[in-house]
Structure formats: C-alpha cells, structure tokens
Amino acid sequence: MWTTTIRPRFCETDALGHINNTVLPVWFLEAREPVIALFTPDPTRSDNGLAMVNMEIAFKAESMFGSPVTITTTIGRIGNSSLQVIQRAWQNGVLTAEGKAALVSFNTVTRKSQAITDNQRQQLQQHTETPQAAQPPA
C-alpha cells in the first residue's frame, strides 16, 4: 500500500465549508503517481503510459480544511493490460472518500493498449488490496 499525505488548501473549500467534490480526483491522481511511475519512469522519454478508462468516487464523509488527509492507494484486479486502483481518503481517522479507477497500459506511439510486463505485474502485486487497507492508516 502506498500512502500520500495531502494538506488541504483553503482554496479547495466550497460555499459549504468542506473540500469541494472536484478536488478528490486531483488528490487521487497525485496519490497514483507511484503507479504511474511503474509504467512511465521518465514521462519525457517514454512511449508507455497509463490511460484511465473509468473512475468512480464514493463520498463517505466531509473532508475539511485544517487537517491533513492521508490517501491510501492499493491495487485491486490486475488483468492482461488493465488494472484496478483502489484509493481511500482518510482525515482524522475517518474515511471521507473511496475511489476506484480502471487503468490500461497504453503505448503512446501506436495509441493502443499493451500487455502489463512481468516486472510491472510483480511490483503491482506488492501493493494488492488487503483487509487492512480498509482501516485507517497508522
């Protein structure tokens, strides 16, 4: 499991005083950077990448300005060319959002999906979803 700590900015709040729902996809993208790096170690010199084909976020509680948010990132299903990323946002021990994204290994030259390599698969498997991932991070 990867963990990323985010410090909510005041500008990310909305008229209701909580973090706006449009902010969570950005936070989840930032927390997916270790996954992206497995497929694109140097984005300026690579013909490999990840294409997002689906994303869903369930909001469980409000995230507020003033306390850090920890994003946990795990890997769900790993297919031939696709994978599922599961992410959770935690603030003060409370699950505030849970997201799932389907990503496809993508060749930027041919503009087509490509198989996940054995090396990528092994690295992803080190971060697969466990029951502990659904618990607040320590």
N, C-alpha and C. Protein backbone atom coordinates (compact mmCIF):
# COMPACT_ATOMS: atom_id res chain seq x y z
N MET A 1 0.85 -1.17 0.00
CA MET A 1 0.00 0.00 0.00
C MET A 1 0.89 1.24 0.00
N TRP A 2 0.55 2.17 -0.86
CA TRP A 2 1.22 3.46 -0.87
C TRP A 2 0.38 4.44 -0.05
N THR A 3 1.03 5.38 0.62
CA THR A 3 0.31 6.43 1.33
C THR A 3 0.86 7.79 0.92
N THR A 4 -0.03 8.74 0.80
CA THR A 4 0.32 10.11 0.43
C THR A 4 -0.44 11.04 1.36
N THR A 5 0.26 12.00 1.94
CA THR A 5 -0.40 12.98 2.81
C THR A 5 -0.61 14.27 2.04
N ILE A 6 -1.84 14.75 2.10
CA ILE A 6 -2.24 15.98 1.43
C ILE A 6 -2.61 17.01 2.49
N ARG A 7 -2.18 18.23 2.31
CA ARG A 7 -2.61 19.32 3.19
C ARG A 7 -3.65 20.14 2.43
N PRO A 8 -4.92 20.01 2.82
CA PRO A 8 -5.96 20.75 2.11
C PRO A 8 -5.68 22.25 2.13
N ARG A 9 -5.89 22.86 0.98
CA ARG A 9 -5.70 24.31 0.86
C ARG A 9 -7.06 25.00 1.02
N PHE A 10 -7.03 26.21 1.55
CA PHE A 10 -8.27 26.95 1.75
C PHE A 10 -9.03 27.11 0.44
N CYS A 11 -8.30 27.29 -0.65
CA CYS A 11 -8.96 27.49 -1.95
C CYS A 11 -9.68 26.23 -2.44
N GLU A 12 -9.48 25.09 -1.79
CA GLU A 12 -10.15 23.86 -2.18
C GLU A 12 -11.49 23.68 -1.48
N THR A 13 -11.83 24.61 -0.60
CA THR A 13 -13.13 24.55 0.07
C THR A 13 -14.20 25.18 -0.81
N ASP A 14 -15.45 24.89 -0.49
CA ASP A 14 -16.55 25.49 -1.25
C ASP A 14 -17.47 26.25 -0.30
N ALA A 15 -18.59 26.70 -0.81
CA ALA A 15 -19.51 27.52 -0.02
C ALA A 15 -20.07 26.80 1.20
N LEU A 16 -20.02 25.46 1.18
CA LEU A 16 -20.50 24.68 2.33
C LEU A 16 -19.43 24.50 3.40
N GLY A 17 -18.20 24.96 3.11
CA GLY A 17 -17.13 24.90 4.09
C GLY A 17 -16.32 23.64 4.08
N HIS A 18 -16.67 22.69 3.22
CA HIS A 18 -15.87 21.46 3.13
C HIS A 18 -15.07 21.45 1.82
N ILE A 19 -14.21 20.46 1.68
CA ILE A 19 -13.43 20.32 0.45
C ILE A 19 -14.38 19.99 -0.68
N ASN A 20 -14.28 20.73 -1.77
CA ASN A 20 -15.17 20.55 -2.90
C ASN A 20 -14.97 19.17 -3.53
N ASN A 21 -16.06 18.59 -4.03
CA ASN A 21 -16.00 17.25 -4.61
C ASN A 21 -15.10 17.18 -5.84
N THR A 22 -14.83 18.28 -6.49
CA THR A 22 -13.95 18.27 -7.67
C THR A 22 -12.47 18.11 -7.30
N VAL A 23 -12.15 18.26 -6.03
CA VAL A 23 -10.76 18.21 -5.57
C VAL A 23 -10.28 16.76 -5.41
N LEU A 24 -11.17 15.87 -4.98
CA LEU A 24 -10.75 14.48 -4.70
C LEU A 24 -10.12 13.79 -5.90
N PRO A 25 -10.64 13.93 -7.13
CA PRO A 25 -9.97 13.29 -8.26
C PRO A 25 -8.52 13.78 -8.44
N VAL A 26 -8.27 15.04 -8.14
CA VAL A 26 -6.91 15.59 -8.25
C VAL A 26 -6.02 14.98 -7.17
N TRP A 27 -6.53 14.90 -5.95
CA TRP A 27 -5.76 14.28 -4.87
C TRP A 27 -5.48 12.82 -5.19
N PHE A 28 -6.47 12.10 -5.71
CA PHE A 28 -6.26 10.69 -6.05
C PHE A 28 -5.24 10.55 -7.17
N LEU A 29 -5.25 11.47 -8.14
CA LEU A 29 -4.23 11.43 -9.19
C LEU A 29 -2.84 11.60 -8.60
N GLU A 30 -2.68 12.57 -7.70
CA GLU A 30 -1.37 12.77 -7.06
C GLU A 30 -0.92 11.50 -6.33
N ALA A 31 -1.85 10.85 -5.65
CA ALA A 31 -1.51 9.65 -4.89
C ALA A 31 -1.27 8.44 -5.79
N ARG A 32 -1.70 8.50 -7.05
CA ARG A 32 -1.44 7.40 -8.01
C ARG A 32 -0.07 7.52 -8.67
N GLU A 33 0.67 8.57 -8.37
CA GLU A 33 1.96 8.77 -9.04
C GLU A 33 2.91 7.58 -8.94
N PRO A 34 2.98 6.85 -7.80
CA PRO A 34 3.85 5.66 -7.79
C PRO A 34 3.41 4.59 -8.79
N VAL A 35 2.11 4.47 -9.01
CA VAL A 35 1.61 3.51 -10.00
C VAL A 35 2.01 3.98 -11.40
N ILE A 36 1.81 5.25 -11.67
CA ILE A 36 2.17 5.81 -12.97
C ILE A 36 3.65 5.61 -13.24
N ALA A 37 4.47 5.79 -12.22
CA ALA A 37 5.93 5.67 -12.38
C ALA A 37 6.35 4.26 -12.77
N LEU A 38 5.57 3.25 -12.40
CA LEU A 38 5.90 1.87 -12.81
C LEU A 38 5.79 1.70 -14.32
N PHE A 39 4.92 2.48 -14.94
CA PHE A 39 4.68 2.36 -16.37
C PHE A 39 5.41 3.44 -17.17
N THR A 40 5.68 4.57 -16.53
CA THR A 40 6.32 5.70 -17.20
C THR A 40 7.38 6.28 -16.27
N PRO A 41 8.52 5.61 -16.13
CA PRO A 41 9.54 6.10 -15.20
C PRO A 41 10.04 7.51 -15.56
N ASP A 42 10.13 7.82 -16.86
CA ASP A 42 10.54 9.14 -17.31
C ASP A 42 9.52 9.62 -18.34
N PRO A 43 8.53 10.40 -17.91
CA PRO A 43 7.45 10.79 -18.82
C PRO A 43 7.92 11.59 -20.04
N THR A 44 9.10 12.18 -19.96
CA THR A 44 9.59 12.97 -21.10
C THR A 44 10.23 12.12 -22.18
N ARG A 45 10.49 10.84 -21.87
CA ARG A 45 11.20 9.99 -22.82
C ARG A 45 10.57 8.62 -22.97
N SER A 46 9.29 8.52 -22.81
CA SER A 46 8.68 7.19 -22.80
C SER A 46 7.55 7.11 -23.81
N ASP A 47 7.40 5.92 -24.39
CA ASP A 47 6.25 5.67 -25.24
C ASP A 47 5.23 4.78 -24.53
N ASN A 48 5.42 4.64 -23.21
CA ASN A 48 4.50 3.85 -22.39
C ASN A 48 3.78 4.75 -21.40
N GLY A 49 2.55 4.40 -21.10
CA GLY A 49 1.81 5.17 -20.14
C GLY A 49 0.60 4.40 -19.65
N LEU A 50 -0.24 5.09 -18.93
CA LEU A 50 -1.49 4.52 -18.44
C LEU A 50 -2.64 5.42 -18.90
N ALA A 51 -3.67 4.80 -19.43
CA ALA A 51 -4.87 5.53 -19.82
C ALA A 51 -5.97 5.19 -18.83
N MET A 52 -6.64 6.21 -18.31
CA MET A 52 -7.77 5.97 -17.42
C MET A 52 -9.01 5.71 -18.28
N VAL A 53 -9.67 4.59 -18.00
CA VAL A 53 -10.89 4.27 -18.75
C VAL A 53 -12.15 4.36 -17.90
N ASN A 54 -11.98 4.40 -16.58
CA ASN A 54 -13.13 4.54 -15.70
C ASN A 54 -12.65 5.01 -14.33
N MET A 55 -13.48 5.85 -13.69
CA MET A 55 -13.18 6.29 -12.33
C MET A 55 -14.51 6.54 -11.62
N GLU A 56 -14.57 6.09 -10.38
CA GLU A 56 -15.74 6.37 -9.56
C GLU A 56 -15.27 6.73 -8.16
N ILE A 57 -15.96 7.66 -7.54
CA ILE A 57 -15.62 8.08 -6.19
C ILE A 57 -16.91 8.11 -5.37
N ALA A 58 -16.88 7.44 -4.23
CA ALA A 58 -17.99 7.48 -3.28
C ALA A 58 -17.56 8.37 -2.12
N PHE A 59 -18.34 9.40 -1.87
CA PHE A 59 -18.04 10.31 -0.77
C PHE A 59 -18.71 9.78 0.48
N LYS A 60 -17.91 9.55 1.52
CA LYS A 60 -18.39 8.91 2.75
C LYS A 60 -18.62 9.91 3.89
N ALA A 61 -17.84 10.97 3.92
CA ALA A 61 -17.93 12.00 4.96
C ALA A 61 -17.25 13.25 4.42
N GLU A 62 -17.44 14.36 5.10
CA GLU A 62 -16.81 15.60 4.66
C GLU A 62 -15.32 15.60 4.94
N SER A 63 -14.55 16.13 4.01
CA SER A 63 -13.15 16.49 4.26
C SER A 63 -13.14 17.98 4.48
N MET A 64 -12.38 18.41 5.47
CA MET A 64 -12.40 19.81 5.87
C MET A 64 -11.00 20.42 5.76
N PHE A 65 -10.96 21.71 5.63
CA PHE A 65 -9.72 22.47 5.69
C PHE A 65 -9.18 22.41 7.12
N GLY A 66 -7.85 22.37 7.27
CA GLY A 66 -7.25 22.48 8.60
C GLY A 66 -6.61 21.22 9.14
N SER A 67 -6.91 20.05 8.55
CA SER A 67 -6.28 18.80 8.98
C SER A 67 -5.78 18.06 7.76
N PRO A 68 -4.62 17.41 7.87
CA PRO A 68 -4.11 16.66 6.72
C PRO A 68 -5.03 15.49 6.34
N VAL A 69 -4.98 15.13 5.09
CA VAL A 69 -5.72 13.99 4.56
C VAL A 69 -4.70 12.98 4.07
N THR A 70 -4.87 11.73 4.48
CA THR A 70 -3.99 10.65 4.01
C THR A 70 -4.74 9.85 2.95
N ILE A 71 -4.10 9.72 1.80
CA ILE A 71 -4.66 8.92 0.72
C ILE A 71 -3.91 7.59 0.70
N THR A 72 -4.64 6.48 0.80
CA THR A 72 -4.03 5.16 0.64
C THR A 72 -4.35 4.66 -0.76
N THR A 73 -3.39 4.01 -1.36
CA THR A 73 -3.54 3.50 -2.72
C THR A 73 -3.13 2.04 -2.76
N THR A 74 -4.03 1.19 -3.22
CA THR A 74 -3.75 -0.24 -3.36
C THR A 74 -4.16 -0.67 -4.77
N ILE A 75 -3.79 -1.89 -5.10
CA ILE A 75 -4.11 -2.46 -6.40
C ILE A 75 -5.16 -3.55 -6.21
N GLY A 76 -6.23 -3.45 -6.97
CA GLY A 76 -7.26 -4.48 -6.96
C GLY A 76 -6.91 -5.54 -7.99
N ARG A 77 -7.73 -5.66 -8.98
CA ARG A 77 -7.55 -6.66 -10.03
C ARG A 77 -6.44 -6.24 -10.99
N ILE A 78 -5.64 -7.21 -11.42
CA ILE A 78 -4.63 -6.99 -12.45
C ILE A 78 -4.96 -7.92 -13.61
N GLY A 79 -5.24 -7.35 -14.76
CA GLY A 79 -5.56 -8.14 -15.95
C GLY A 79 -4.37 -8.24 -16.88
N ASN A 80 -4.63 -8.55 -18.14
CA ASN A 80 -3.56 -8.65 -19.14
C ASN A 80 -2.96 -7.27 -19.44
N SER A 81 -3.83 -6.29 -19.68
CA SER A 81 -3.34 -4.95 -19.99
C SER A 81 -3.94 -3.88 -19.06
N SER A 82 -4.84 -4.28 -18.18
CA SER A 82 -5.51 -3.30 -17.32
C SER A 82 -5.33 -3.64 -15.85
N LEU A 83 -5.60 -2.65 -15.02
CA LEU A 83 -5.53 -2.85 -13.58
C LEU A 83 -6.54 -1.95 -12.91
N GLN A 84 -6.90 -2.32 -11.70
CA GLN A 84 -7.80 -1.52 -10.88
C GLN A 84 -7.01 -0.93 -9.73
N VAL A 85 -7.15 0.37 -9.53
CA VAL A 85 -6.52 1.07 -8.42
C VAL A 85 -7.63 1.45 -7.43
N ILE A 86 -7.42 1.12 -6.15
CA ILE A 86 -8.38 1.43 -5.10
C ILE A 86 -7.75 2.46 -4.18
N GLN A 87 -8.46 3.55 -3.95
CA GLN A 87 -7.91 4.62 -3.13
C GLN A 87 -8.92 5.06 -2.08
N ARG A 88 -8.38 5.43 -0.92
CA ARG A 88 -9.22 5.90 0.17
C ARG A 88 -8.61 7.18 0.75
N ALA A 89 -9.49 8.12 1.06
CA ALA A 89 -9.06 9.36 1.71
C ALA A 89 -9.48 9.29 3.17
N TRP A 90 -8.53 9.55 4.05
CA TRP A 90 -8.75 9.49 5.50
C TRP A 90 -8.39 10.84 6.11
N GLN A 91 -9.27 11.34 6.99
CA GLN A 91 -8.96 12.56 7.72
C GLN A 91 -9.36 12.35 9.18
N ASN A 92 -8.40 12.52 10.06
CA ASN A 92 -8.63 12.33 11.49
C ASN A 92 -9.23 10.95 11.79
N GLY A 93 -8.75 9.92 11.08
CA GLY A 93 -9.20 8.56 11.31
C GLY A 93 -10.54 8.21 10.69
N VAL A 94 -11.13 9.15 9.93
CA VAL A 94 -12.44 8.93 9.32
C VAL A 94 -12.26 8.77 7.80
N LEU A 95 -12.90 7.73 7.25
CA LEU A 95 -12.89 7.53 5.81
C LEU A 95 -13.81 8.57 5.18
N THR A 96 -13.24 9.46 4.36
CA THR A 96 -14.05 10.52 3.76
C THR A 96 -14.41 10.24 2.30
N ALA A 97 -13.62 9.42 1.62
CA ALA A 97 -13.93 9.09 0.22
C ALA A 97 -13.22 7.81 -0.16
N GLU A 98 -13.85 7.07 -1.06
CA GLU A 98 -13.25 5.84 -1.60
C GLU A 98 -13.40 5.88 -3.11
N GLY A 99 -12.29 5.65 -3.80
CA GLY A 99 -12.31 5.70 -5.25
C GLY A 99 -11.76 4.44 -5.87
N LYS A 100 -12.27 4.14 -7.06
CA LYS A 100 -11.77 3.02 -7.85
C LYS A 100 -11.55 3.53 -9.26
N ALA A 101 -10.41 3.17 -9.81
CA ALA A 101 -10.07 3.60 -11.18
C ALA A 101 -9.61 2.39 -11.97
N ALA A 102 -10.06 2.31 -13.21
CA ALA A 102 -9.57 1.29 -14.13
C ALA A 102 -8.59 1.97 -15.07
N LEU A 103 -7.38 1.43 -15.11
CA LEU A 103 -6.31 1.98 -15.94
C LEU A 103 -5.84 0.91 -16.92
N VAL A 104 -5.41 1.35 -18.09
CA VAL A 104 -4.94 0.43 -19.13
C VAL A 104 -3.52 0.83 -19.51
N SER A 105 -2.63 -0.16 -19.56
CA SER A 105 -1.27 0.07 -20.05
C SER A 105 -1.38 0.46 -21.53
N PHE A 106 -0.75 1.57 -21.88
CA PHE A 106 -1.01 2.20 -23.17
C PHE A 106 0.30 2.58 -23.85
N ASN A 107 0.39 2.24 -25.13
CA ASN A 107 1.55 2.63 -25.93
C ASN A 107 1.21 3.95 -26.61
N THR A 108 1.96 5.00 -26.30
CA THR A 108 1.65 6.33 -26.81
C THR A 108 2.00 6.52 -28.28
N VAL A 109 2.80 5.61 -28.85
CA VAL A 109 3.14 5.70 -30.27
C VAL A 109 2.06 5.02 -31.11
N THR A 110 1.72 3.78 -30.75
CA THR A 110 0.71 3.04 -31.52
C THR A 110 -0.71 3.44 -31.13
N ARG A 111 -0.84 4.12 -29.96
CA ARG A 111 -2.15 4.55 -29.43
C ARG A 111 -3.05 3.36 -29.13
N LYS A 112 -2.43 2.26 -28.67
CA LYS A 112 -3.17 1.03 -28.36
C LYS A 112 -2.74 0.51 -27.00
N SER A 113 -3.62 -0.33 -26.44
CA SER A 113 -3.27 -0.97 -25.17
C SER A 113 -2.13 -1.95 -25.40
N GLN A 114 -1.43 -2.25 -24.33
CA GLN A 114 -0.33 -3.21 -24.39
C GLN A 114 -0.33 -4.03 -23.11
N ALA A 115 0.27 -5.19 -23.18
CA ALA A 115 0.30 -6.09 -22.02
C ALA A 115 1.12 -5.48 -20.88
N ILE A 116 0.67 -5.73 -19.66
CA ILE A 116 1.45 -5.39 -18.48
C ILE A 116 2.62 -6.36 -18.42
N THR A 117 3.82 -5.85 -18.24
CA THR A 117 5.01 -6.71 -18.23
C THR A 117 5.07 -7.52 -16.94
N ASP A 118 5.85 -8.58 -16.95
CA ASP A 118 6.03 -9.39 -15.74
C ASP A 118 6.60 -8.56 -14.60
N ASN A 119 7.57 -7.69 -14.92
CA ASN A 119 8.17 -6.85 -13.90
C ASN A 119 7.14 -5.89 -13.30
N GLN A 120 6.32 -5.26 -14.14
CA GLN A 120 5.28 -4.37 -13.65
C GLN A 120 4.28 -5.14 -12.78
N ARG A 121 3.89 -6.32 -13.25
CA ARG A 121 2.94 -7.15 -12.51
C ARG A 121 3.49 -7.48 -11.12
N GLN A 122 4.76 -7.88 -11.04
CA GLN A 122 5.36 -8.21 -9.74
C GLN A 122 5.34 -7.01 -8.81
N GLN A 123 5.67 -5.84 -9.33
CA GLN A 123 5.68 -4.64 -8.49
C GLN A 123 4.27 -4.26 -8.04
N LEU A 124 3.29 -4.40 -8.93
CA LEU A 124 1.91 -4.11 -8.56
C LEU A 124 1.41 -5.07 -7.49
N GLN A 125 1.77 -6.34 -7.61
CA GLN A 125 1.31 -7.35 -6.66
C GLN A 125 1.80 -7.07 -5.24
N GLN A 126 2.88 -6.33 -5.09
CA GLN A 126 3.37 -5.97 -3.76
C GLN A 126 2.45 -4.98 -3.05
N HIS A 127 1.49 -4.43 -3.79
CA HIS A 127 0.60 -3.41 -3.23
C HIS A 127 -0.87 -3.78 -3.41
N THR A 128 -1.16 -5.08 -3.47
CA THR A 128 -2.54 -5.51 -3.68
C THR A 128 -3.40 -5.23 -2.45
N GLU A 129 -4.67 -5.07 -2.70
CA GLU A 129 -5.66 -4.77 -1.68
C GLU A 129 -5.68 -5.86 -0.61
N THR A 130 -5.71 -5.45 0.65
CA THR A 130 -5.82 -6.37 1.79
C THR A 130 -6.91 -5.84 2.71
N PRO A 131 -7.41 -6.66 3.62
CA PRO A 131 -8.41 -6.14 4.57
C PRO A 131 -7.89 -4.96 5.40
N GLN A 132 -6.59 -4.93 5.66
CA GLN A 132 -6.02 -3.82 6.44
C GLN A 132 -6.12 -2.49 5.69
N ALA A 133 -6.18 -2.54 4.37
CA ALA A 133 -6.25 -1.30 3.59
C ALA A 133 -7.54 -0.54 3.85
N ALA A 134 -8.57 -1.23 4.30
CA ALA A 134 -9.85 -0.58 4.59
C ALA A 134 -9.89 0.01 5.99
N GLN A 135 -8.77 -0.05 6.70
CA GLN A 135 -8.68 0.50 8.06
C GLN A 135 -7.90 1.82 8.02
N PRO A 136 -8.16 2.71 8.97
CA PRO A 136 -7.40 3.97 8.98
C PRO A 136 -5.90 3.71 9.06
N PRO A 137 -5.11 4.45 8.29
CA PRO A 137 -3.66 4.25 8.34
C PRO A 137 -3.10 4.65 9.71
N ALA A 138 -2.03 3.99 10.09
CA ALA A 138 -1.43 4.27 11.40
C ALA A 138 -0.68 5.58 11.40
